[in-house]
Amino acid sequence: MGPSWGTVMRDIRDDLQERASLIEQEIAAAGIDFEKAVEQLQCKLRAELAALGVAMLAEHYKSFLIDSLGGDGRP
């Protein structure tokens, strides 16, 4: 009789555990990268909203001045 499967097949549990640990590390790194990307997008959005608010305020002020001074810009 030949050797039993237990002696022929090597134990791959450690290899699988190592692969699982590496995959967990890759997932964690991807999560960190994702969070950084979200934070950058949020900062960009806040900056664009602030710029839009300034532009809207300027347009409102311009309209106010035109209305106050008359349609042709003279008092």
Protein backbone atom coordinates (compact mmCIF):
# COMPACT_ATOMS: atom_id res chain seq x y z
CA MET A 1 0.00 0.00 0.00
CA GLY A 2 1.07 3.55 -0.75
CA PRO A 3 1.34 6.44 1.61
CA SER A 4 -1.85 7.90 3.02
CA TRP A 5 -3.22 11.25 1.78
CA GLY A 6 -2.30 12.82 5.09
CA THR A 7 1.39 12.33 4.46
CA VAL A 8 1.33 13.07 0.73
CA MET A 9 -0.69 16.27 0.87
CA ARG A 10 1.16 19.03 2.62
CA ASP A 11 -0.71 21.24 5.02
CA ILE A 12 -1.66 24.42 3.15
CA ARG A 13 -3.50 26.09 6.01
CA ASP A 14 -0.55 28.39 6.79
CA ASP A 15 -0.28 29.41 3.12
CA LEU A 16 -4.00 30.14 2.98
CA GLN A 17 -3.85 32.11 6.23
CA GLU A 18 -0.93 34.16 4.88
CA ARG A 19 -2.85 34.88 1.66
CA ALA A 20 -5.91 35.88 3.66
CA SER A 21 -3.80 38.23 5.79
CA LEU A 22 -2.28 39.83 2.68
CA ILE A 23 -5.72 40.28 1.15
CA GLU A 24 -6.97 41.86 4.38
CA GLN A 25 -4.04 44.30 4.27
CA GLU A 26 -4.80 45.15 0.62
CA ILE A 27 -8.46 45.74 1.47
CA ALA A 28 -7.49 47.98 4.39
CA ALA A 29 -5.10 49.97 2.17
CA ALA A 30 -7.79 50.31 -0.51
CA GLY A 31 -10.21 51.53 2.16
CA ILE A 32 -7.73 54.17 3.29
CA ASP A 33 -7.18 55.27 -0.33
CA PHE A 34 -10.95 55.46 -0.81
CA GLU A 35 -11.40 57.58 2.31
CA LYS A 36 -8.65 59.95 1.13
CA ALA A 37 -10.32 60.26 -2.29
CA VAL A 38 -13.68 60.99 -0.64
CA GLU A 39 -12.06 63.63 1.58
CA GLN A 40 -10.42 65.28 -1.45
CA LEU A 41 -13.74 65.33 -3.30
CA GLN A 42 -15.50 66.82 -0.28
CA CYS A 43 -12.84 69.56 -0.03
CA LYS A 44 -13.22 70.29 -3.72
CA LEU A 45 -17.01 70.43 -3.37
CA ARG A 46 -16.78 72.80 -0.40
CA ALA A 47 -14.40 75.07 -2.34
CA GLU A 48 -16.66 75.07 -5.39
CA LEU A 49 -19.73 75.81 -3.26
CA ALA A 50 -17.90 78.67 -1.58
CA ALA A 51 -16.89 80.08 -4.97
CA LEU A 52 -20.46 79.73 -6.19
CA GLY A 53 -21.72 81.51 -3.09
CA VAL A 54 -19.30 84.39 -3.70
CA ALA A 55 -20.36 84.60 -7.35
CA MET A 56 -24.04 84.62 -6.38
CA LEU A 57 -23.42 87.30 -3.77
CA ALA A 58 -21.54 89.43 -6.32
CA GLU A 59 -24.35 89.04 -8.83
CA HIS A 60 -26.92 89.99 -6.20
CA TYR A 61 -24.88 93.05 -5.20
CA LYS A 62 -24.49 94.03 -8.85
CA SER A 63 -28.25 93.76 -9.35
CA PHE A 64 -28.81 95.80 -6.20
CA LEU A 65 -26.48 98.54 -7.43
CA ILE A 66 -28.09 98.63 -10.85
CA ASP A 67 -31.55 98.86 -9.28
CA SER A 68 -30.40 101.49 -6.78
CA LEU A 69 -28.60 103.64 -9.31
CA GLY A 70 -31.11 103.23 -12.06
CA GLY A 71 -30.94 101.05 -15.16
CA ASP A 72 -28.19 103.06 -16.81
CA GLY A 73 -25.81 103.14 -13.87
CA ARG A 74 -26.33 106.84 -13.02
CA PRO A 75 -28.04 108.13 -9.84
